[in-house]
Amino acid sequence: MYVIVNIQGQQFKVEKGQRLFVHKIEAEHGATIEFEQVLLVDNEGAVTVGAPFVDGAKVVAEVGSFVKGDKVLVFHKKRRKGYRKLNGHRQQFTEVTVKDIIA
């Protein structure tokens, strides 16, 4: 059984026991959170598609560690003008573990 769930504007294909790295969530380590924006449910071949969400379906997950992603360098240059600018960015992620899928 798997579902497609919307978490902070991103869609994830989720199965029970899976670990995900989502954009930072303001929750305590070890807290239980629920994601109710389930777009699709596939239960052993029986597919249910929401319009836009499936009623009564939700994903229960546990918050794990907070990590930073790889550094992304953003470089701007205008040729022959002497203009160069370099910025770096590290996205903050929250590791969540899917405990249960209620559909």
PDB file of N, CA and C in Angstrom:
ATOM      1  N   MET A   1       0.841  -1.174   0.000  1.00  0.00           N
ATOM      2  CA  MET A   1       0.000   0.000   0.000  1.00  0.00           C
ATOM      3  C   MET A   1       0.884   1.233   0.000  1.00  0.00           C
ATOM      4  N   TYR A   2       0.551   2.166  -0.868  1.00  0.00           N
ATOM      5  CA  TYR A   2       1.265   3.437  -0.865  1.00  0.00           C
ATOM      6  C   TYR A   2       0.274   4.564  -1.118  1.00  0.00           C
ATOM      7  N   VAL A   3       0.685   5.778  -0.731  1.00  0.00           N
ATOM      8  CA  VAL A   3      -0.128   6.969  -0.972  1.00  0.00           C
ATOM      9  C   VAL A   3       0.777   8.064  -1.516  1.00  0.00           C
ATOM     10  N   ILE A   4       0.165   9.017  -2.184  1.00  0.00           N
ATOM     11  CA  ILE A   4       0.857  10.237  -2.587  1.00  0.00           C
ATOM     12  C   ILE A   4       0.289  11.349  -1.725  1.00  0.00           C
ATOM     13  N   VAL A   5       1.175  11.999  -0.971  1.00  0.00           N
ATOM     14  CA  VAL A   5       0.757  12.992   0.008  1.00  0.00           C
ATOM     15  C   VAL A   5       1.452  14.316  -0.282  1.00  0.00           C
ATOM     16  N   ASN A   6       0.739  15.403  -0.007  1.00  0.00           N
ATOM     17  CA  ASN A   6       1.267  16.748  -0.191  1.00  0.00           C
ATOM     18  C   ASN A   6       1.787  17.236   1.159  1.00  0.00           C
ATOM     19  N   ILE A   7       3.110  17.489   1.238  1.00  0.00           N
ATOM     20  CA  ILE A   7       3.738  17.970   2.465  1.00  0.00           C
ATOM     21  C   ILE A   7       4.430  19.282   2.136  1.00  0.00           C
ATOM     22  N   GLN A   8       3.893  20.370   2.640  1.00  0.00           N
ATOM     23  CA  GLN A   8       4.444  21.712   2.456  1.00  0.00           C
ATOM     24  C   GLN A   8       4.691  22.036   0.988  1.00  0.00           C
ATOM     25  N   GLY A   9       3.728  21.724   0.144  1.00  0.00           N
ATOM     26  CA  GLY A   9       3.818  22.080  -1.270  1.00  0.00           C
ATOM     27  C   GLY A   9       4.576  21.085  -2.124  1.00  0.00           C
ATOM     28  N   GLN A  10       5.102  20.022  -1.558  1.00  0.00           N
ATOM     29  CA  GLN A  10       5.798  19.000  -2.312  1.00  0.00           C
ATOM     30  C   GLN A  10       5.042  17.687  -2.203  1.00  0.00           C
ATOM     31  N   GLN A  11       5.044  16.921  -3.295  1.00  0.00           N
ATOM     32  CA  GLN A  11       4.338  15.649  -3.313  1.00  0.00           C
ATOM     33  C   GLN A  11       5.338  14.506  -3.132  1.00  0.00           C
ATOM     34  N   PHE A  12       4.993  13.573  -2.239  1.00  0.00           N
ATOM     35  CA  PHE A  12       5.847  12.439  -1.937  1.00  0.00           C
ATOM     36  C   PHE A  12       5.052  11.149  -2.080  1.00  0.00           C
ATOM     37  N   LYS A  13       5.684  10.121  -2.651  1.00  0.00           N
ATOM     38  CA  LYS A  13       5.117   8.777  -2.667  1.00  0.00           C
ATOM     39  C   LYS A  13       5.592   8.098  -1.389  1.00  0.00           C
ATOM     40  N   VAL A  14       4.648   7.686  -0.542  1.00  0.00           N
ATOM     41  CA  VAL A  14       4.967   7.261   0.812  1.00  0.00           C
ATOM     42  C   VAL A  14       4.442   5.855   1.059  1.00  0.00           C
ATOM     43  N   GLU A  15       5.271   5.034   1.718  1.00  0.00           N
ATOM     44  CA  GLU A  15       4.871   3.717   2.193  1.00  0.00           C
ATOM     45  C   GLU A  15       5.162   3.637   3.686  1.00  0.00           C
ATOM     46  N   LYS A  16       4.556   2.693   4.357  1.00  0.00           N
ATOM     47  CA  LYS A  16       4.737   2.544   5.796  1.00  0.00           C
ATOM     48  C   LYS A  16       6.184   2.165   6.100  1.00  0.00           C
ATOM     49  N   GLY A  17       6.772   2.840   7.097  1.00  0.00           N
ATOM     50  CA  GLY A  17       8.142   2.573   7.504  1.00  0.00           C
ATOM     51  C   GLY A  17       9.191   3.360   6.737  1.00  0.00           C
ATOM     52  N   GLN A  18       8.786   4.155   5.784  1.00  0.00           N
ATOM     53  CA  GLN A  18       9.729   4.906   4.948  1.00  0.00           C
ATOM     54  C   GLN A  18      10.223   6.155   5.668  1.00  0.00           C
ATOM     55  N   ARG A  19      11.482   6.530   5.416  1.00  0.00           N
ATOM     56  CA  ARG A  19      12.048   7.769   5.939  1.00  0.00           C
ATOM     57  C   ARG A  19      12.032   8.820   4.845  1.00  0.00           C
ATOM     58  N   LEU A  20      11.629  10.042   5.197  1.00  0.00           N
ATOM     59  CA  LEU A  20      11.576  11.158   4.247  1.00  0.00           C
ATOM     60  C   LEU A  20      12.358  12.326   4.796  1.00  0.00           C
ATOM     61  N   PHE A  21      12.900  13.119   3.895  1.00  0.00           N
ATOM     62  CA  PHE A  21      13.517  14.380   4.269  1.00  0.00           C
ATOM     63  C   PHE A  21      12.674  15.482   3.647  1.00  0.00           C
ATOM     64  N   VAL A  22      11.928  16.207   4.490  1.00  0.00           N
ATOM     65  CA  VAL A  22      11.034  17.267   4.029  1.00  0.00           C
ATOM     66  C   VAL A  22      11.588  18.601   4.518  1.00  0.00           C
ATOM     67  N   HIS A  23      11.086  19.691   3.936  1.00  0.00           N
ATOM     68  CA  HIS A  23      11.506  21.012   4.397  1.00  0.00           C
ATOM     69  C   HIS A  23      11.206  21.142   5.882  1.00  0.00           C
ATOM     70  N   LYS A  24      11.975  21.979   6.557  1.00  0.00           N
ATOM     71  CA  LYS A  24      11.947  22.048   8.016  1.00  0.00           C
ATOM     72  C   LYS A  24      10.529  22.240   8.556  1.00  0.00           C
ATOM     73  N   ILE A  25      10.183  21.400   9.533  1.00  0.00           N
ATOM     74  CA  ILE A  25       8.890  21.449  10.201  1.00  0.00           C
ATOM     75  C   ILE A  25       9.130  21.900  11.635  1.00  0.00           C
ATOM     76  N   GLU A  26       8.334  22.836  12.091  1.00  0.00           N
ATOM     77  CA  GLU A  26       8.458  23.328  13.467  1.00  0.00           C
ATOM     78  C   GLU A  26       7.770  22.355  14.416  1.00  0.00           C
ATOM     79  N   ALA A  27       8.484  21.321  14.823  1.00  0.00           N
ATOM     80  CA  ALA A  27       7.978  20.322  15.760  1.00  0.00           C
ATOM     81  C   ALA A  27       9.151  19.802  16.575  1.00  0.00           C
ATOM     82  N   GLU A  28       8.843  19.236  17.719  1.00  0.00           N
ATOM     83  CA  GLU A  28       9.871  18.685  18.592  1.00  0.00           C
ATOM     84  C   GLU A  28      10.355  17.331  18.072  1.00  0.00           C
ATOM     85  N   HIS A  29      11.580  16.984  18.443  1.00  0.00           N
ATOM     86  CA  HIS A  29      12.138  15.678  18.094  1.00  0.00           C
ATOM     87  C   HIS A  29      11.312  14.586  18.774  1.00  0.00           C
ATOM     88  N   GLY A  30      10.859  13.604  18.013  1.00  0.00           N
ATOM     89  CA  GLY A  30      10.058  12.510  18.563  1.00  0.00           C
ATOM     90  C   GLY A  30       8.564  12.770  18.563  1.00  0.00           C
ATOM     91  N   ALA A  31       8.141  13.954  18.129  1.00  0.00           N
ATOM     92  CA  ALA A  31       6.710  14.275  18.103  1.00  0.00           C
ATOM     93  C   ALA A  31       6.022  13.527  16.958  1.00  0.00           C
ATOM     94  N   THR A  32       4.725  13.291  17.128  1.00  0.00           N
ATOM     95  CA  THR A  32       3.930  12.639  16.098  1.00  0.00           C
ATOM     96  C   THR A  32       3.143  13.703  15.348  1.00  0.00           C
ATOM     97  N   ILE A  33       3.233  13.670  14.010  1.00  0.00           N
ATOM     98  CA  ILE A  33       2.512  14.638  13.189  1.00  0.00           C
ATOM     99  C   ILE A  33       1.671  13.881  12.166  1.00  0.00           C
ATOM    100  N   GLU A  34       0.628  14.552  11.690  1.00  0.00           N
ATOM    101  CA  GLU A  34      -0.272  13.951  10.715  1.00  0.00           C
ATOM    102  C   GLU A  34      -0.326  14.823   9.469  1.00  0.00           C
ATOM    103  N   PHE A  35      -0.300  14.174   8.321  1.00  0.00           N
ATOM    104  CA  PHE A  35      -0.449  14.850   7.042  1.00  0.00           C
ATOM    105  C   PHE A  35      -1.778  14.400   6.444  1.00  0.00           C
ATOM    106  N   GLU A  36      -2.699  15.326   6.258  1.00  0.00           N
ATOM    107  CA  GLU A  36      -4.047  14.979   5.825  1.00  0.00           C
ATOM    108  C   GLU A  36      -4.305  15.278   4.360  1.00  0.00           C
ATOM    109  N   GLN A  37      -3.355  15.868   3.668  1.00  0.00           N
ATOM    110  CA  GLN A  37      -3.544  16.193   2.254  1.00  0.00           C
ATOM    111  C   GLN A  37      -3.084  15.016   1.392  1.00  0.00           C
ATOM    112  N   VAL A  38      -3.858  13.955   1.394  1.00  0.00           N
ATOM    113  CA  VAL A  38      -3.555  12.745   0.631  1.00  0.00           C
ATOM    114  C   VAL A  38      -4.215  12.870  -0.737  1.00  0.00           C
ATOM    115  N   LEU A  39      -3.412  12.769  -1.792  1.00  0.00           N
ATOM    116  CA  LEU A  39      -3.909  12.958  -3.149  1.00  0.00           C
ATOM    117  C   LEU A  39      -4.345  11.656  -3.807  1.00  0.00           C
ATOM    118  N   LEU A  40      -3.677  10.545  -3.463  1.00  0.00           N
ATOM    119  CA  LEU A  40      -3.955   9.265  -4.104  1.00  0.00           C
ATOM    120  C   LEU A  40      -3.662   8.140  -3.124  1.00  0.00           C
ATOM    121  N   VAL A  41      -4.490   7.104  -3.164  1.00  0.00           N
ATOM    122  CA  VAL A  41      -4.289   5.918  -2.336  1.00  0.00           C
ATOM    123  C   VAL A  41      -4.305   4.696  -3.244  1.00  0.00           C
ATOM    124  N   ASP A  42      -3.252   3.864  -3.158  1.00  0.00           N
ATOM    125  CA  ASP A  42      -3.198   2.606  -3.894  1.00  0.00           C
ATOM    126  C   ASP A  42      -3.131   1.483  -2.875  1.00  0.00           C
ATOM    127  N   ASN A  43      -4.240   0.768  -2.719  1.00  0.00           N
ATOM    128  CA  ASN A  43      -4.330  -0.329  -1.755  1.00  0.00           C
ATOM    129  C   ASN A  43      -4.385  -1.641  -2.520  1.00  0.00           C
ATOM    130  N   GLU A  44      -3.194  -2.216  -2.801  1.00  0.00           N
ATOM    131  CA  GLU A  44      -3.066  -3.492  -3.516  1.00  0.00           C
ATOM    132  C   GLU A  44      -3.825  -3.473  -4.845  1.00  0.00           C
ATOM    133  N   GLY A  45      -3.654  -2.414  -5.609  1.00  0.00           N
ATOM    134  CA  GLY A  45      -4.269  -2.327  -6.932  1.00  0.00           C
ATOM    135  C   GLY A  45      -5.570  -1.555  -6.972  1.00  0.00           C
ATOM    136  N   ALA A  46      -6.214  -1.331  -5.840  1.00  0.00           N
ATOM    137  CA  ALA A  46      -7.436  -0.525  -5.793  1.00  0.00           C
ATOM    138  C   ALA A  46      -7.037   0.934  -5.594  1.00  0.00           C
ATOM    139  N   VAL A  47      -7.105   1.704  -6.672  1.00  0.00           N
ATOM    140  CA  VAL A  47      -6.629   3.086  -6.650  1.00  0.00           C
ATOM    141  C   VAL A  47      -7.793   4.034  -6.369  1.00  0.00           C
ATOM    142  N   THR A  48      -7.590   4.938  -5.420  1.00  0.00           N
ATOM    143  CA  THR A  48      -8.554   5.989  -5.116  1.00  0.00           C
ATOM    144  C   THR A  48      -7.874   7.323  -5.331  1.00  0.00           C
ATOM    145  N   VAL A  49      -8.465   8.146  -6.188  1.00  0.00           N
ATOM    146  CA  VAL A  49      -7.905   9.461  -6.489  1.00  0.00           C
ATOM    147  C   VAL A  49      -8.809  10.514  -5.865  1.00  0.00           C
ATOM    148  N   GLY A  50      -8.219  11.455  -5.157  1.00  0.00           N
ATOM    149  CA  GLY A  50      -8.990  12.506  -4.507  1.00  0.00           C
ATOM    150  C   GLY A  50      -9.324  13.633  -5.451  1.00  0.00           C
ATOM    151  N   ALA A  51     -10.298  14.449  -5.032  1.00  0.00           N
ATOM    152  CA  ALA A  51     -10.698  15.600  -5.825  1.00  0.00           C
ATOM    153  C   ALA A  51     -10.865  16.808  -4.910  1.00  0.00           C
ATOM    154  N   PRO A  52      -9.845  17.505  -4.464  1.00  0.00           N
ATOM    155  CA  PRO A  52      -8.426  17.257  -4.689  1.00  0.00           C
ATOM    156  C   PRO A  52      -7.804  16.288  -3.688  1.00  0.00           C
ATOM    157  N   PHE A  53      -8.456  16.057  -2.527  1.00  0.00           N
ATOM    158  CA  PHE A  53      -7.882  15.170  -1.517  1.00  0.00           C
ATOM    159  C   PHE A  53      -8.825  14.007  -1.243  1.00  0.00           C
ATOM    160  N   VAL A  54      -8.268  12.889  -0.781  1.00  0.00           N
ATOM    161  CA  VAL A  54      -9.057  11.716  -0.427  1.00  0.00           C
ATOM    162  C   VAL A  54      -9.630  11.935   0.977  1.00  0.00           C
ATOM    163  N   ASP A  55     -10.950  11.794   1.110  1.00  0.00           N
ATOM    164  CA  ASP A  55     -11.605  12.004   2.400  1.00  0.00           C
ATOM    165  C   ASP A  55     -11.247  10.896   3.385  1.00  0.00           C
ATOM    166  N   GLY A  56     -10.897  11.288   4.611  1.00  0.00           N
ATOM    167  CA  GLY A  56     -10.618  10.330   5.669  1.00  0.00           C
ATOM    168  C   GLY A  56      -9.244   9.704   5.626  1.00  0.00           C
ATOM    169  N   ALA A  57      -8.436  10.038   4.641  1.00  0.00           N
ATOM    170  CA  ALA A  57      -7.093   9.452   4.536  1.00  0.00           C
ATOM    171  C   ALA A  57      -6.075  10.396   5.157  1.00  0.00           C
ATOM    172  N   LYS A  58      -5.122   9.812   5.868  1.00  0.00           N
ATOM    173  CA  LYS A  58      -4.043  10.617   6.433  1.00  0.00           C
ATOM    174  C   LYS A  58      -2.820   9.749   6.666  1.00  0.00           C
ATOM    175  N   VAL A  59      -1.688  10.418   6.814  1.00  0.00           N
ATOM    176  CA  VAL A  59      -0.410   9.754   7.061  1.00  0.00           C
ATOM    177  C   VAL A  59       0.086  10.204   8.428  1.00  0.00           C
ATOM    178  N   VAL A  60       0.404   9.253   9.291  1.00  0.00           N
ATOM    179  CA  VAL A  60       0.923   9.537  10.628  1.00  0.00           C
ATOM    180  C   VAL A  60       2.424   9.294  10.594  1.00  0.00           C
ATOM    181  N   ALA A  61       3.191  10.312  11.032  1.00  0.00           N
ATOM    182  CA  ALA A  61       4.648  10.214  10.978  1.00  0.00           C
ATOM    183  C   ALA A  61       5.255  10.708  12.284  1.00  0.00           C
ATOM    184  N   GLU A  62       6.496  10.294  12.502  1.00  0.00           N
ATOM    185  CA  GLU A  62       7.239  10.713  13.689  1.00  0.00           C
ATOM    186  C   GLU A  62       8.426  11.552  13.253  1.00  0.00           C
ATOM    187  N   VAL A  63       8.624  12.672  13.952  1.00  0.00           N
ATOM    188  CA  VAL A  63       9.714  13.592  13.619  1.00  0.00           C
ATOM    189  C   VAL A  63      11.026  13.015  14.132  1.00  0.00           C
ATOM    190  N   GLY A  64      12.026  13.010  13.245  1.00  0.00           N
ATOM    191  CA  GLY A  64      13.359  12.530  13.616  1.00  0.00           C
ATOM    192  C   GLY A  64      14.312  13.692  13.788  1.00  0.00           C
ATOM    193  N   SER A  65      15.450  13.596  13.159  1.00  0.00           N
ATOM    194  CA  SER A  65      16.490  14.609  13.328  1.00  0.00           C
ATOM    195  C   SER A  65      16.290  15.776  12.370  1.00  0.00           C
ATOM    196  N   PHE A  66      17.001  16.859  12.651  1.00  0.00           N
ATOM    197  CA  PHE A  66      17.011  18.039  11.802  1.00  0.00           C
ATOM    198  C   PHE A  66      18.395  18.126  11.160  1.00  0.00           C
ATOM    199  N   VAL A  67      18.443  18.173   9.839  1.00  0.00           N
ATOM    200  CA  VAL A  67      19.709  18.156   9.117  1.00  0.00           C
ATOM    201  C   VAL A  67      19.743  19.285   8.099  1.00  0.00           C
ATOM    202  N   LYS A  68      20.943  19.572   7.614  1.00  0.00           N
ATOM    203  CA  LYS A  68      21.117  20.546   6.547  1.00  0.00           C
ATOM    204  C   LYS A  68      21.469  19.808   5.260  1.00  0.00           C
ATOM    205  N   GLY A  69      20.972  20.306   4.145  1.00  0.00           N
ATOM    206  CA  GLY A  69      21.270  19.714   2.855  1.00  0.00           C
ATOM    207  C   GLY A  69      22.631  20.152   2.348  1.00  0.00           C
ATOM    208  N   ASP A  70      22.980  19.709   1.156  1.00  0.00           N
ATOM    209  CA  ASP A  70      24.237  20.099   0.539  1.00  0.00           C
ATOM    210  C   ASP A  70      24.217  21.573   0.181  1.00  0.00           C
ATOM    211  N   LYS A  71      25.395  22.174   0.134  1.00  0.00           N
ATOM    212  CA  LYS A  71      25.490  23.580  -0.207  1.00  0.00           C
ATOM    213  C   LYS A  71      25.217  23.770  -1.696  1.00  0.00           C
ATOM    214  N   VAL A  72      24.400  24.762  -1.993  1.00  0.00           N
ATOM    215  CA  VAL A  72      24.085  25.126  -3.366  1.00  0.00           C
ATOM    216  C   VAL A  72      24.700  26.499  -3.618  1.00  0.00           C
ATOM    217  N   LEU A  73      25.535  26.592  -4.649  1.00  0.00           N
ATOM    218  CA  LEU A  73      26.172  27.856  -4.988  1.00  0.00           C
ATOM    219  C   LEU A  73      25.407  28.534  -6.117  1.00  0.00           C
ATOM    220  N   VAL A  74      25.109  29.825  -5.916  1.00  0.00           N
ATOM    221  CA  VAL A  74      24.402  30.620  -6.922  1.00  0.00           C
ATOM    222  C   VAL A  74      25.384  31.681  -7.406  1.00  0.00           C
ATOM    223  N   PHE A  75      25.742  31.622  -8.682  1.00  0.00           N
ATOM    224  CA  PHE A  75      26.749  32.518  -9.240  1.00  0.00           C
ATOM    225  C   PHE A  75      26.121  33.366 -10.338  1.00  0.00           C
ATOM    226  N   HIS A  76      26.268  34.693 -10.223  1.00  0.00           N
ATOM    227  CA  HIS A  76      25.773  35.625 -11.228  1.00  0.00           C
ATOM    228  C   HIS A  76      26.967  36.329 -11.852  1.00  0.00           C
ATOM    229  N   LYS A  77      26.928  36.510 -13.156  1.00  0.00           N
ATOM    230  CA  LYS A  77      28.008  37.206 -13.853  1.00  0.00           C
ATOM    231  C   LYS A  77      27.445  37.905 -15.071  1.00  0.00           C
ATOM    232  N   LYS A  78      27.930  39.106 -15.305  1.00  0.00           N
ATOM    233  CA  LYS A  78      27.628  39.815 -16.542  1.00  0.00           C
ATOM    234  C   LYS A  78      28.952  40.002 -17.270  1.00  0.00           C
ATOM    235  N   ARG A  79      29.062  39.423 -18.440  1.00  0.00           N
ATOM    236  CA  ARG A  79      30.346  39.431 -19.132  1.00  0.00           C
ATOM    237  C   ARG A  79      30.736  40.847 -19.562  1.00  0.00           C
ATOM    238  N   ARG A  80      32.027  41.061 -19.508  1.00  0.00           N
ATOM    239  CA  ARG A  80      32.665  42.317 -19.904  1.00  0.00           C
ATOM    240  C   ARG A  80      32.244  43.513 -19.059  1.00  0.00           C
ATOM    241  N   LYS A  81      31.609  43.314 -17.919  1.00  0.00           N
ATOM    242  CA  LYS A  81      31.177  44.420 -17.059  1.00  0.00           C
ATOM    243  C   LYS A  81      31.877  44.407 -15.702  1.00  0.00           C
ATOM    244  N   GLY A  82      32.620  43.363 -15.406  1.00  0.00           N
ATOM    245  CA  GLY A  82      33.293  43.263 -14.120  1.00  0.00           C
ATOM    246  C   GLY A  82      32.336  42.941 -12.976  1.00  0.00           C
ATOM    247  N   TYR A  83      31.172  42.395 -13.290  1.00  0.00           N
ATOM    248  CA  TYR A  83      30.158  42.078 -12.271  1.00  0.00           C
ATOM    249  C   TYR A  83      30.143  40.585 -12.009  1.00  0.00           C
ATOM    250  N   ARG A  84      30.476  40.218 -10.771  1.00  0.00           N
ATOM    251  CA  ARG A  84      30.388  38.824 -10.335  1.00  0.00           C
ATOM    252  C   ARG A  84      29.838  38.804  -8.918  1.00  0.00           C
ATOM    253  N   LYS A  85      28.944  37.850  -8.652  1.00  0.00           N
ATOM    254  CA  LYS A  85      28.372  37.717  -7.318  1.00  0.00           C
ATOM    255  C   LYS A  85      28.182  36.228  -7.027  1.00  0.00           C
ATOM    256  N   LEU A  86      28.596  35.797  -5.845  1.00  0.00           N
ATOM    257  CA  LEU A  86      28.500  34.397  -5.450  1.00  0.00           C
ATOM    258  C   LEU A  86      27.758  34.313  -4.123  1.00  0.00           C
ATOM    259  N   ASN A  87      26.687  33.537  -4.103  1.00  0.00           N
ATOM    260  CA  ASN A  87      25.933  33.293  -2.874  1.00  0.00           C
ATOM    261  C   ASN A  87      25.855  31.792  -2.638  1.00  0.00           C
ATOM    262  N   GLY A  88      25.831  31.416  -1.374  1.00  0.00           N
ATOM    263  CA  GLY A  88      25.675  30.018  -1.017  1.00  0.00           C
ATOM    264  C   GLY A  88      24.420  29.832  -0.180  1.00  0.00           C
ATOM    265  N   HIS A  89      23.880  28.604  -0.197  1.00  0.00           N
ATOM    266  CA  HIS A  89      22.657  28.321   0.549  1.00  0.00           C
ATOM    267  C   HIS A  89      22.646  26.850   0.954  1.00  0.00           C
ATOM    268  N   ARG A  90      22.235  26.581   2.194  1.00  0.00           N
ATOM    269  CA  ARG A  90      22.035  25.208   2.661  1.00  0.00           C
ATOM    270  C   ARG A  90      20.620  25.088   3.195  1.00  0.00           C
ATOM    271  N   GLN A  91      19.812  24.276   2.542  1.00  0.00           N
ATOM    272  CA  GLN A  91      18.424  24.086   2.941  1.00  0.00           C
ATOM    273  C   GLN A  91      18.352  23.250   4.212  1.00  0.00           C
ATOM    274  N   GLN A  92      17.439  23.592   5.107  1.00  0.00           N
ATOM    275  CA  GLN A  92      17.249  22.837   6.334  1.00  0.00           C
ATOM    276  C   GLN A  92      16.129  21.818   6.121  1.00  0.00           C
ATOM    277  N   PHE A  93      16.380  20.582   6.528  1.00  0.00           N
ATOM    278  CA  PHE A  93      15.429  19.504   6.343  1.00  0.00           C
ATOM    279  C   PHE A  93      15.090  18.871   7.688  1.00  0.00           C
ATOM    280  N   THR A  94      13.919  18.241   7.730  1.00  0.00           N
ATOM    281  CA  THR A  94      13.489  17.451   8.875  1.00  0.00           C
ATOM    282  C   THR A  94      13.310  16.020   8.408  1.00  0.00           C
ATOM    283  N   GLU A  95      13.897  15.090   9.126  1.00  0.00           N
ATOM    284  CA  GLU A  95      13.723  13.676   8.799  1.00  0.00           C
ATOM    285  C   GLU A  95      12.467  13.172   9.506  1.00  0.00           C
ATOM    286  N   VAL A  96      11.540  12.613   8.726  1.00  0.00           N
ATOM    287  CA  VAL A  96      10.321  12.045   9.297  1.00  0.00           C
ATOM    288  C   VAL A  96      10.234  10.576   8.901  1.00  0.00           C
ATOM    289  N   THR A  97       9.710   9.763   9.809  1.00  0.00           N
ATOM    290  CA  THR A  97       9.513   8.336   9.567  1.00  0.00           C
ATOM    291  C   THR A  97       8.020   8.060   9.576  1.00  0.00           C
ATOM    292  N   VAL A  98       7.533   7.438   8.511  1.00  0.00           N
ATOM    293  CA  VAL A  98       6.107   7.141   8.387  1.00  0.00           C
ATOM    294  C   VAL A  98       5.766   5.972   9.298  1.00  0.00           C
ATOM    295  N   LYS A  99       4.860   6.191  10.240  1.00  0.00           N
ATOM    296  CA  LYS A  99       4.458   5.144  11.181  1.00  0.00           C
ATOM    297  C   LYS A  99       3.227   4.398  10.713  1.00  0.00           C
ATOM    298  N   ASP A 100       2.256   5.119  10.121  1.00  0.00           N
ATOM    299  CA  ASP A 100       1.008   4.471   9.744  1.00  0.00           C
ATOM    300  C   ASP A 100       0.340   5.252   8.624  1.00  0.00           C
ATOM    301  N   ILE A 101      -0.390   4.531   7.791  1.00  0.00           N
ATOM    302  CA  ILE A 101      -1.188   5.137   6.719  1.00  0.00           C
ATOM    303  C   ILE A 101      -2.638   4.740   6.978  1.00  0.00           C
ATOM    304  N   ILE A 102      -3.473   5.747   7.174  1.00  0.00           N
ATOM    305  CA  ILE A 102      -4.889   5.506   7.454  1.00  0.00           C
ATOM    306  C   ILE A 102      -5.672   5.889   6.208  1.00  0.00           C
ATOM    307  N   ALA A 103      -6.303   4.905   5.577  1.00  0.00           N
ATOM    308  CA  ALA A 103      -7.045   5.180   4.345  1.00  0.00           C
ATOM    309  C   ALA A 103      -8.345   4.404   4.326  1.00  0.00           C
TER     310      ALA A 103
END
